[in-house]
Amino acid sequence: MNFKSSVTNLFLRASDSLIKAMINFILLIEAYSLLLVGTIA
């Protein structure tokens, strides 16, 4: 029981950090594309 809960906790933490990393990546791409458009225009 304890092992299962610790594995579940680890998985939740990993998925949470993965979601945060994806959001940061999307924001970075958005900022970069805006910068690129601003440079071209």
PDB file of N, CA and C in Angstrom:
ATOM      1  N   MET A   1       0.838  -1.202   0.000  1.00  0.00           N
ATOM      2  CA  MET A   1       0.000   0.000   0.000  1.00  0.00           C
ATOM      3  C   MET A   1       0.880   1.262   0.000  1.00  0.00           C
ATOM      4  N   ASN A   2       1.868   1.293   0.870  1.00  0.00           N
ATOM      5  CA  ASN A   2       2.742   2.456   0.957  1.00  0.00           C
ATOM      6  C   ASN A   2       3.543   2.635  -0.332  1.00  0.00           C
ATOM      7  N   PHE A   3       4.017   1.502  -0.878  1.00  0.00           N
ATOM      8  CA  PHE A   3       4.778   1.548  -2.128  1.00  0.00           C
ATOM      9  C   PHE A   3       3.921   2.084  -3.263  1.00  0.00           C
ATOM     10  N   LYS A   4       2.676   1.620  -3.322  1.00  0.00           N
ATOM     11  CA  LYS A   4       1.766   2.054  -4.386  1.00  0.00           C
ATOM     12  C   LYS A   4       1.479   3.554  -4.288  1.00  0.00           C
ATOM     13  N   SER A   5       1.267   4.045  -3.085  1.00  0.00           N
ATOM     14  CA  SER A   5       0.965   5.471  -2.912  1.00  0.00           C
ATOM     15  C   SER A   5       2.177   6.331  -3.262  1.00  0.00           C
ATOM     16  N   SER A   6       3.377   5.840  -2.944  1.00  0.00           N
ATOM     17  CA  SER A   6       4.581   6.610  -3.269  1.00  0.00           C
ATOM     18  C   SER A   6       4.801   6.646  -4.778  1.00  0.00           C
ATOM     19  N   VAL A   7       4.504   5.533  -5.464  1.00  0.00           N
ATOM     20  CA  VAL A   7       4.626   5.488  -6.919  1.00  0.00           C
ATOM     21  C   VAL A   7       3.610   6.436  -7.556  1.00  0.00           C
ATOM     22  N   THR A   8       2.384   6.439  -7.024  1.00  0.00           N
ATOM     23  CA  THR A   8       1.343   7.332  -7.539  1.00  0.00           C
ATOM     24  C   THR A   8       1.738   8.789  -7.323  1.00  0.00           C
ATOM     25  N   ASN A   9       2.306   9.087  -6.150  1.00  0.00           N
ATOM     26  CA  ASN A   9       2.748  10.443  -5.833  1.00  0.00           C
ATOM     27  C   ASN A   9       3.852  10.885  -6.791  1.00  0.00           C
ATOM     28  N   LEU A  10       4.790   9.978  -7.065  1.00  0.00           N
ATOM     29  CA  LEU A  10       5.894  10.269  -7.983  1.00  0.00           C
ATOM     30  C   LEU A  10       5.361  10.530  -9.384  1.00  0.00           C
ATOM     31  N   PHE A  11       4.400   9.711  -9.815  1.00  0.00           N
ATOM     32  CA  PHE A  11       3.811   9.867 -11.149  1.00  0.00           C
ATOM     33  C   PHE A  11       3.077  11.195 -11.283  1.00  0.00           C
ATOM     34  N   LEU A  12       2.325  11.566 -10.244  1.00  0.00           N
ATOM     35  CA  LEU A  12       1.600  12.837 -10.266  1.00  0.00           C
ATOM     36  C   LEU A  12       2.570  14.015 -10.324  1.00  0.00           C
ATOM     37  N   ARG A  13       3.661  13.917  -9.575  1.00  0.00           N
ATOM     38  CA  ARG A  13       4.651  14.982  -9.574  1.00  0.00           C
ATOM     39  C   ARG A  13       5.323  15.093 -10.943  1.00  0.00           C
ATOM     40  N   ALA A  14       5.628  13.954 -11.545  1.00  0.00           N
ATOM     41  CA  ALA A  14       6.269  13.942 -12.863  1.00  0.00           C
ATOM     42  C   ALA A  14       5.347  14.527 -13.923  1.00  0.00           C
ATOM     43  N   SER A  15       4.063  14.147 -13.897  1.00  0.00           N
ATOM     44  CA  SER A  15       3.115  14.660 -14.887  1.00  0.00           C
ATOM     45  C   SER A  15       2.891  16.156 -14.687  1.00  0.00           C
ATOM     46  N   ASP A  16       2.901  16.608 -13.436  1.00  0.00           N
ATOM     47  CA  ASP A  16       2.722  18.030 -13.144  1.00  0.00           C
ATOM     48  C   ASP A  16       3.887  18.848 -13.701  1.00  0.00           C
ATOM     49  N   SER A  17       5.112  18.361 -13.491  1.00  0.00           N
ATOM     50  CA  SER A  17       6.280  19.075 -14.012  1.00  0.00           C
ATOM     51  C   SER A  17       6.325  19.007 -15.532  1.00  0.00           C
ATOM     52  N   LEU A  18       5.818  17.906 -16.098  1.00  0.00           N
ATOM     53  CA  LEU A  18       5.780  17.764 -17.556  1.00  0.00           C
ATOM     54  C   LEU A  18       4.822  18.787 -18.157  1.00  0.00           C
ATOM     55  N   ILE A  19       3.661  18.958 -17.519  1.00  0.00           N
ATOM     56  CA  ILE A  19       2.673  19.942 -17.986  1.00  0.00           C
ATOM     57  C   ILE A  19       3.262  21.353 -17.894  1.00  0.00           C
ATOM     58  N   LYS A  20       3.955  21.645 -16.795  1.00  0.00           N
ATOM     59  CA  LYS A  20       4.585  22.963 -16.635  1.00  0.00           C
ATOM     60  C   LYS A  20       5.642  23.191 -17.708  1.00  0.00           C
ATOM     61  N   ALA A  21       6.420  22.155 -18.009  1.00  0.00           N
ATOM     62  CA  ALA A  21       7.454  22.270 -19.038  1.00  0.00           C
ATOM     63  C   ALA A  21       6.831  22.516 -20.407  1.00  0.00           C
ATOM     64  N   MET A  22       5.718  21.837 -20.699  1.00  0.00           N
ATOM     65  CA  MET A  22       5.031  22.028 -21.979  1.00  0.00           C
ATOM     66  C   MET A  22       4.493  23.449 -22.097  1.00  0.00           C
ATOM     67  N   ILE A  23       3.915  23.968 -21.015  1.00  0.00           N
ATOM     68  CA  ILE A  23       3.384  25.334 -21.019  1.00  0.00           C
ATOM     69  C   ILE A  23       4.517  26.336 -21.242  1.00  0.00           C
ATOM     70  N   ASN A  24       5.649  26.132 -20.557  1.00  0.00           N
ATOM     71  CA  ASN A  24       6.803  27.021 -20.737  1.00  0.00           C
ATOM     72  C   ASN A  24       7.311  26.965 -22.167  1.00  0.00           C
ATOM     73  N   PHE A  25       7.316  25.760 -22.760  1.00  0.00           N
ATOM     74  CA  PHE A  25       7.782  25.582 -24.133  1.00  0.00           C
ATOM     75  C   PHE A  25       6.874  26.319 -25.114  1.00  0.00           C
ATOM     76  N   ILE A  26       5.558  26.204 -24.911  1.00  0.00           N
ATOM     77  CA  ILE A  26       4.585  26.881 -25.784  1.00  0.00           C
ATOM     78  C   ILE A  26       4.739  28.397 -25.665  1.00  0.00           C
ATOM     79  N   LEU A  27       4.904  28.900 -24.446  1.00  0.00           N
ATOM     80  CA  LEU A  27       5.090  30.334 -24.242  1.00  0.00           C
ATOM     81  C   LEU A  27       6.379  30.815 -24.893  1.00  0.00           C
ATOM     82  N   LEU A  28       7.422  29.998 -24.829  1.00  0.00           N
ATOM     83  CA  LEU A  28       8.702  30.353 -25.438  1.00  0.00           C
ATOM     84  C   LEU A  28       8.566  30.442 -26.952  1.00  0.00           C
ATOM     85  N   ILE A  29       7.870  29.472 -27.560  1.00  0.00           N
ATOM     86  CA  ILE A  29       7.652  29.479 -29.013  1.00  0.00           C
ATOM     87  C   ILE A  29       6.830  30.702 -29.411  1.00  0.00           C
ATOM     88  N   GLU A  30       5.809  31.017 -28.630  1.00  0.00           N
ATOM     89  CA  GLU A  30       4.958  32.173 -28.916  1.00  0.00           C
ATOM     90  C   GLU A  30       5.766  33.468 -28.864  1.00  0.00           C
ATOM     91  N   ALA A  31       6.579  33.620 -27.828  1.00  0.00           N
ATOM     92  CA  ALA A  31       7.409  34.821 -27.688  1.00  0.00           C
ATOM     93  C   ALA A  31       8.414  34.917 -28.832  1.00  0.00           C
ATOM     94  N   TYR A  32       8.995  33.788 -29.223  1.00  0.00           N
ATOM     95  CA  TYR A  32       9.982  33.772 -30.303  1.00  0.00           C
ATOM     96  C   TYR A  32       9.349  34.125 -31.641  1.00  0.00           C
ATOM     97  N   SER A  33       8.151  33.590 -31.895  1.00  0.00           N
ATOM     98  CA  SER A  33       7.468  33.895 -33.161  1.00  0.00           C
ATOM     99  C   SER A  33       7.049  35.369 -33.210  1.00  0.00           C
ATOM    100  N   LEU A  34       6.634  35.923 -32.076  1.00  0.00           N
ATOM    101  CA  LEU A  34       6.293  37.350 -32.020  1.00  0.00           C
ATOM    102  C   LEU A  34       7.528  38.203 -32.299  1.00  0.00           C
ATOM    103  N   LEU A  35       8.657  37.792 -31.735  1.00  0.00           N
ATOM    104  CA  LEU A  35       9.917  38.503 -31.960  1.00  0.00           C
ATOM    105  C   LEU A  35      10.310  38.431 -33.435  1.00  0.00           C
ATOM    106  N   LEU A  36      10.134  37.258 -34.026  1.00  0.00           N
ATOM    107  CA  LEU A  36      10.462  37.044 -35.435  1.00  0.00           C
ATOM    108  C   LEU A  36       9.584  37.913 -36.332  1.00  0.00           C
ATOM    109  N   VAL A  37       8.286  37.938 -36.043  1.00  0.00           N
ATOM    110  CA  VAL A  37       7.348  38.753 -36.826  1.00  0.00           C
ATOM    111  C   VAL A  37       7.690  40.235 -36.672  1.00  0.00           C
ATOM    112  N   GLY A  38       8.039  40.649 -35.458  1.00  0.00           N
ATOM    113  CA  GLY A  38       8.408  42.039 -35.212  1.00  0.00           C
ATOM    114  C   GLY A  38       9.674  42.426 -35.966  1.00  0.00           C
ATOM    115  N   THR A  39      10.608  41.478 -36.089  1.00  0.00           N
ATOM    116  CA  THR A  39      11.857  41.749 -36.807  1.00  0.00           C
ATOM    117  C   THR A  39      11.612  41.863 -38.306  1.00  0.00           C
ATOM    118  N   ILE A  40      10.746  40.989 -38.831  1.00  0.00           N
ATOM    119  CA  ILE A  40      10.445  40.999 -40.270  1.00  0.00           C
ATOM    120  C   ILE A  40       9.669  42.259 -40.642  1.00  0.00           C
ATOM    121  N   ALA A  41       8.664  42.618 -39.824  1.00  0.00           N
ATOM    122  CA  ALA A  41       7.794  43.754 -40.139  1.00  0.00           C
ATOM    123  C   ALA A  41       8.408  45.106 -39.837  1.00  0.00           C
TER     124      ALA A  41
END
